[in-house]
């Protein structure tokens, strides 16, 4: 059953979080609705809302991204503002913001991607990547495990980046040469380099000719120029789409897909959009996520 979000009639971009959703509107403001705790909605309260509420202070938004418990918006001046659970201090205290805060030193961002729980990455105009927030498995890509909640750090070894995708504890970047680099947790092979060894710095996924990437919680998928889809990592619910439930540390083809123009990975499921507009989804379906 499809339910139209009330009071939203001019959406420009949309982001789906763990228990909340956000949109930017054509007037460049932002709205969020859903789960409460931790200021997920950015309206200055810790209350939930079944109807969209306005994110405080956002008037020039280009696009929005949401993790499990936080959201960030990219503004027209290439700065980024975030709210919700933004990571932890060195002493373990949670950093929670009920309204958007400016991410200092980020003023040339072109793309942003929120990881699952409290970290975010941005592609900059010089095609480098900077990340901030939680760093449990090295998902910030700066060769440490040190959290950096509100202070972006450069991903070391990345140049020529044109896209970035954050998972639960791993991150992947698409480069100008259409190759993919990933870093962070690799227990399920989600880095795609043929190993299951975590990496604090980017490693090359075993794939080329890629035009878009997407990261689920523990798996990653890529759309190639020939409109085929490959996935790798956790396959416990069949989210790799290759007819098995065996994890793969190298990209595997999702068979029987043709003319794919977009692919998006969820927690344990994946969906692809065909050129004619219809969809195919695969993987976990305990909450009806395959539609």
Protein backbone atom coordinates (compact mmCIF):
# COMPACT_ATOMS: atom_id res chain seq x y z
CA UNK A 1 0.00 0.00 0.00
CA UNK A 2 1.42 3.37 -0.99
CA UNK A 3 0.65 6.32 1.31
CA UNK A 4 1.36 9.83 0.09
CA UNK A 5 3.38 11.84 2.61
CA UNK A 6 1.04 14.59 3.88
CA UNK A 7 1.88 18.24 3.15
CA UNK A 8 4.67 17.29 0.71
CA UNK A 9 3.83 18.36 -2.82
CA UNK A 10 7.05 19.94 -4.08
CA UNK A 11 9.83 17.51 -3.15
CA UNK A 12 13.16 17.97 -4.92
CA UNK A 13 15.33 15.25 -3.26
CA UNK A 14 14.57 12.55 -0.71
CA UNK A 15 16.53 10.61 1.90
CA UNK A 16 15.46 7.51 3.84
CA UNK A 17 16.94 6.95 7.31
CA UNK A 18 16.57 4.18 9.86
CA UNK A 19 13.17 5.26 11.15
CA UNK A 20 12.76 8.68 9.60
CA UNK A 21 12.57 10.30 6.17
CA UNK A 22 13.65 13.72 4.93
CA UNK A 23 13.14 15.77 1.79
CA UNK A 24 14.35 18.99 0.30
CA UNK A 25 11.68 21.06 -1.40
CA UNK A 26 11.72 23.18 -4.51
CA UNK A 27 11.83 26.26 -2.26
CA UNK A 28 15.19 24.95 -0.89
CA UNK A 29 13.86 24.22 2.61
CA UNK A 30 13.88 20.75 4.21
CA UNK A 31 11.25 18.64 5.98
CA UNK A 32 11.58 15.43 8.03
CA UNK A 33 9.15 13.03 9.70
CA UNK A 34 9.16 9.75 11.60
CA UNK A 35 11.04 8.44 14.64
CA UNK A 36 11.85 10.76 17.51
CA UNK A 37 14.88 10.08 19.80
CA UNK A 38 18.03 12.10 19.23
CA UNK A 39 16.71 15.00 17.23
CA UNK A 40 16.44 13.02 14.00
CA UNK A 41 13.98 15.52 12.53
CA UNK A 42 16.07 18.68 13.00
CA UNK A 43 13.17 20.77 14.25
CA UNK A 44 14.69 21.60 17.64
CA UNK A 45 12.82 18.93 19.59
CA UNK A 46 13.38 15.28 20.47
CA UNK A 47 9.80 14.45 19.50
CA UNK A 48 8.69 12.28 16.64
CA UNK A 49 6.19 13.37 14.06
CA UNK A 50 3.86 11.43 11.76
CA UNK A 51 3.69 14.48 9.51
CA UNK A 52 6.60 16.43 8.00
CA UNK A 53 8.16 19.16 10.15
CA UNK A 54 10.47 21.91 8.94
CA UNK A 55 14.18 21.54 9.59
CA UNK A 56 15.31 24.66 11.43
CA UNK A 57 17.37 27.21 9.51
CA UNK A 58 17.66 25.41 6.17
CA UNK A 59 16.75 27.78 3.32
CA UNK A 60 19.16 26.99 0.48
CA UNK A 61 19.30 23.19 0.29
CA UNK A 62 20.47 21.27 -2.77
CA UNK A 63 20.22 17.68 -1.55
CA UNK A 64 19.86 15.63 1.63
CA UNK A 65 21.17 12.34 3.02
CA UNK A 66 20.14 10.31 6.08
CA UNK A 67 21.73 7.59 8.16
CA UNK A 68 20.11 5.50 10.86
CA UNK A 69 19.99 8.35 13.35
CA UNK A 70 21.21 11.52 11.66
CA UNK A 71 20.79 13.59 8.52
CA UNK A 72 22.88 16.10 6.59
CA UNK A 73 22.02 18.63 3.94
CA UNK A 74 24.25 20.02 1.18
CA UNK A 75 23.66 23.74 0.65
CA UNK A 76 24.00 25.79 -2.51
CA UNK A 77 27.20 27.41 -1.20
CA UNK A 78 28.79 23.91 -0.97
CA UNK A 79 28.70 23.81 2.83
CA UNK A 80 27.10 21.00 4.85
CA UNK A 81 24.88 21.06 7.92
CA UNK A 82 23.96 17.99 10.01
CA UNK A 83 21.69 17.07 12.92
CA UNK A 84 20.78 14.10 15.11
CA UNK A 85 23.36 11.66 16.48
CA UNK A 86 26.69 12.89 15.10
CA UNK A 87 29.13 10.52 16.81
CA UNK A 88 30.88 10.37 20.17
CA UNK A 89 33.48 12.35 22.02
CA UNK A 90 36.73 10.63 22.99
CA UNK A 91 35.24 9.96 26.44
CA UNK A 92 32.30 8.15 24.86
CA UNK A 93 29.69 10.88 25.32
CA UNK A 94 27.19 11.04 22.47
CA UNK A 95 27.07 14.20 20.38
CA UNK A 96 23.43 14.97 19.59
CA UNK A 97 22.16 18.10 17.88
CA UNK A 98 18.45 18.90 17.71
CA UNK A 99 18.97 21.49 14.97
CA UNK A 100 21.45 21.62 12.06
CA UNK A 101 25.06 22.55 12.80
CA UNK A 102 27.61 23.65 10.23
CA UNK A 103 30.38 21.16 9.54
CA UNK A 104 33.44 23.36 9.80
CA UNK A 105 36.05 23.33 6.99
CA UNK A 106 33.60 21.81 4.50
CA UNK A 107 32.92 24.60 2.00
CA UNK A 108 33.50 22.97 -1.40
CA UNK A 109 31.27 19.88 -1.19
CA UNK A 110 29.56 18.59 -4.33
CA UNK A 111 28.09 15.30 -3.03
CA UNK A 112 27.34 13.88 0.42
CA UNK A 113 26.53 10.41 1.75
CA UNK A 114 25.52 9.46 5.29
CA UNK A 115 26.75 6.18 6.69
CA UNK A 116 24.45 4.01 8.75
CA UNK A 117 25.00 5.38 12.25
CA UNK A 118 26.72 8.67 12.91
CA UNK A 119 29.21 9.22 10.10
CA UNK A 120 29.09 11.12 6.82
CA UNK A 121 31.37 11.68 3.82
CA UNK A 122 31.55 14.42 1.21
CA UNK A 123 33.11 14.62 -2.25
CA UNK A 124 34.77 18.02 -2.70
CA UNK A 125 35.28 20.11 -5.84
CA UNK A 126 38.91 18.99 -6.05
CA UNK A 127 37.56 15.38 -6.18
CA UNK A 128 39.00 14.44 -2.81
CA UNK A 129 36.80 13.00 -0.04
CA UNK A 130 36.49 14.04 3.58
CA UNK A 131 34.56 12.17 6.28
CA UNK A 132 33.52 12.84 9.87
CA UNK A 133 31.74 11.10 12.75
CA UNK A 134 32.02 7.57 14.10
CA UNK A 135 35.10 5.56 13.12
CA UNK A 136 34.66 2.11 14.70
CA UNK A 137 36.20 0.19 11.81
CA UNK A 138 38.15 2.86 9.96
CA UNK A 139 35.18 3.99 7.87
CA UNK A 140 36.53 7.56 7.86
CA UNK A 141 39.47 6.38 5.76
CA UNK A 142 42.20 8.31 7.60
CA UNK A 143 44.17 5.25 8.77
CA UNK A 144 42.98 5.48 12.38
CA UNK A 145 40.12 4.24 14.57
CA UNK A 146 39.72 7.65 16.21
CA UNK A 147 36.24 9.21 16.05
CA UNK A 148 36.05 12.69 14.53
CA UNK A 149 32.47 13.85 15.19
CA UNK A 150 32.45 17.41 13.90
CA UNK A 151 35.91 17.69 12.35
CA UNK A 152 36.22 16.29 8.82
CA UNK A 153 39.33 14.28 8.00
CA UNK A 154 40.63 13.53 4.49
CA UNK A 155 40.34 10.02 3.11
CA UNK A 156 43.98 9.19 2.47
CA UNK A 157 44.88 7.82 -0.93
CA UNK A 158 41.77 9.02 -2.78
CA UNK A 159 41.91 11.38 -5.76
CA UNK A 160 39.64 11.79 -8.74
CA UNK A 161 36.51 10.84 -6.76
CA UNK A 162 33.12 11.45 -8.37
CA UNK A 163 30.85 9.64 -5.88
CA UNK A 164 30.88 8.19 -2.37
CA UNK A 165 28.60 5.71 -0.59
CA UNK A 166 28.52 5.01 3.16
CA UNK A 167 27.43 1.67 4.63
CA UNK A 168 27.30 0.55 8.24
CA UNK A 169 31.05 0.41 8.91
CA UNK A 170 32.48 0.67 5.39
CA UNK A 171 32.67 3.30 2.69
CA UNK A 172 33.22 3.12 -1.07
CA UNK A 173 34.23 5.74 -3.63
CA UNK A 174 33.76 5.80 -7.39
CA UNK A 175 36.69 7.34 -9.23
CA UNK A 176 36.94 9.15 -12.57
CA UNK A 177 38.51 6.10 -14.18
CA UNK A 178 35.33 4.14 -13.28
CA UNK A 179 37.07 2.00 -10.69
CA UNK A 180 35.97 1.63 -7.06
CA UNK A 181 37.93 2.01 -3.83
CA UNK A 182 36.54 0.89 -0.45
CA UNK A 183 37.71 1.06 3.18
CA UNK A 184 36.59 0.14 6.70
CA UNK A 185 35.02 -3.11 7.92
CA UNK A 186 35.37 -6.15 5.66
CA UNK A 187 34.06 -9.07 7.73
CA UNK A 188 31.63 -10.06 4.98
CA UNK A 189 33.79 -9.03 2.02
CA UNK A 190 31.98 -5.69 1.59
CA UNK A 191 35.18 -3.99 0.37
CA UNK A 192 35.18 -6.20 -2.72
CA UNK A 193 38.94 -6.80 -2.85
CA UNK A 194 38.80 -10.58 -2.52
CA UNK A 195 39.68 -10.59 1.18
CA UNK A 196 37.85 -10.34 4.49
CA UNK A 197 40.48 -8.14 6.10
CA UNK A 198 39.42 -4.72 7.43
CA UNK A 199 41.28 -1.80 5.90
CA UNK A 200 42.02 1.62 7.37
CA UNK A 201 42.83 2.95 3.90
CA UNK A 202 41.17 2.50 0.49
CA UNK A 203 41.60 -0.79 -1.37
CA UNK A 204 40.59 -1.53 -4.96
CA UNK A 205 37.36 -3.47 -5.45
CA UNK A 206 37.61 -6.08 -8.18
CA UNK A 207 35.43 -4.24 -10.68
CA UNK A 208 35.76 -1.64 -13.43
CA UNK A 209 33.65 0.39 -15.87
CA UNK A 210 31.34 1.46 -13.02
CA UNK A 211 28.99 4.42 -13.33
CA UNK A 212 27.22 4.41 -9.93
CA UNK A 213 27.74 2.79 -6.52
CA UNK A 214 25.54 2.18 -3.49
CA UNK A 215 26.23 0.74 -0.04
CA UNK A 216 23.89 -1.24 2.18
CA UNK A 217 24.65 -2.04 5.79
CA UNK A 218 27.07 -4.87 5.00
CA UNK A 219 27.01 -5.12 1.21
CA UNK A 220 27.86 -2.95 -1.77
CA UNK A 221 26.50 -2.81 -5.32
CA UNK A 222 27.64 -1.15 -8.52
CA UNK A 223 25.97 -0.32 -11.83
CA UNK A 224 28.28 -0.77 -14.81
CA UNK A 225 28.24 1.13 -18.09
CA UNK A 226 26.69 -1.87 -19.86
CA UNK A 227 23.71 -1.49 -17.45
CA UNK A 228 24.51 -4.67 -15.55
CA UNK A 229 24.59 -4.81 -11.73
CA UNK A 230 27.22 -6.43 -9.52
CA UNK A 231 27.09 -6.80 -5.73
CA UNK A 232 29.44 -8.04 -3.00
CA UNK A 233 29.60 -8.56 0.77
CA UNK A 234 26.94 -9.96 3.09
CA UNK A 235 24.44 -12.27 1.38
CA UNK A 236 22.63 -13.75 4.38
CA UNK A 237 19.25 -12.62 3.01
CA UNK A 238 20.09 -12.96 -0.67
CA UNK A 239 20.80 -9.24 -1.07
CA UNK A 240 23.57 -9.94 -3.62
CA UNK A 241 20.89 -11.27 -5.96
CA UNK A 242 22.89 -14.18 -7.39
CA UNK A 243 20.57 -16.95 -6.25
CA UNK A 244 22.60 -17.98 -3.20
CA UNK A 245 23.03 -16.94 0.40
CA UNK A 246 26.81 -17.19 0.33
CA UNK A 247 28.79 -14.06 1.11
CA UNK A 248 31.17 -12.86 -1.58
CA UNK A 249 34.36 -10.84 -1.17
CA UNK A 250 34.40 -10.12 -4.91
CA UNK A 251 31.64 -8.59 -7.06
CA UNK A 252 29.10 -11.09 -8.43
CA UNK A 253 26.67 -10.48 -11.28
CA UNK A 254 22.99 -10.05 -10.50
CA UNK A 255 21.56 -12.18 -13.32
CA UNK A 256 18.53 -11.48 -15.52
CA UNK A 257 18.75 -7.70 -15.17
CA UNK A 258 18.82 -5.66 -18.37
CA UNK A 259 18.69 -1.93 -19.09
CA UNK A 260 19.23 -0.92 -15.46
CA UNK A 261 19.65 2.82 -14.88
CA UNK A 262 19.76 2.99 -11.07
CA UNK A 263 20.51 0.67 -8.14
CA UNK A 264 20.05 1.28 -4.41
CA UNK A 265 21.08 -0.93 -1.48
CA UNK A 266 19.11 -1.12 1.76
CA UNK A 267 20.06 -2.82 5.01
CA UNK A 268 19.51 -6.37 3.72
CA UNK A 269 17.83 -5.82 0.38
CA UNK A 270 18.58 -4.16 -2.95
CA UNK A 271 16.41 -2.57 -5.66
CA UNK A 272 17.12 -1.67 -9.28
CA UNK A 273 15.25 0.66 -11.64
CA UNK A 274 14.89 -0.20 -15.33
CA UNK A 275 15.01 2.29 -18.16
CA UNK A 276 11.24 2.02 -18.63
CA UNK A 277 10.67 2.93 -14.97
CA UNK A 278 9.69 -0.37 -13.39
CA UNK A 279 11.59 -1.90 -10.46
CA UNK A 280 13.09 -5.20 -9.34
CA UNK A 281 14.02 -5.87 -5.70
CA UNK A 282 15.71 -8.81 -3.96
CA UNK A 283 16.96 -9.85 -0.53
CA UNK A 284 15.33 -9.66 2.90
CA UNK A 285 11.57 -9.19 2.95
CA UNK A 286 10.61 -9.56 6.62
CA UNK A 287 9.04 -6.11 6.61
CA UNK A 288 7.71 -6.25 3.05
CA UNK A 289 10.64 -4.24 1.69
CA UNK A 290 10.55 -6.04 -1.68
CA UNK A 291 7.17 -4.49 -2.43
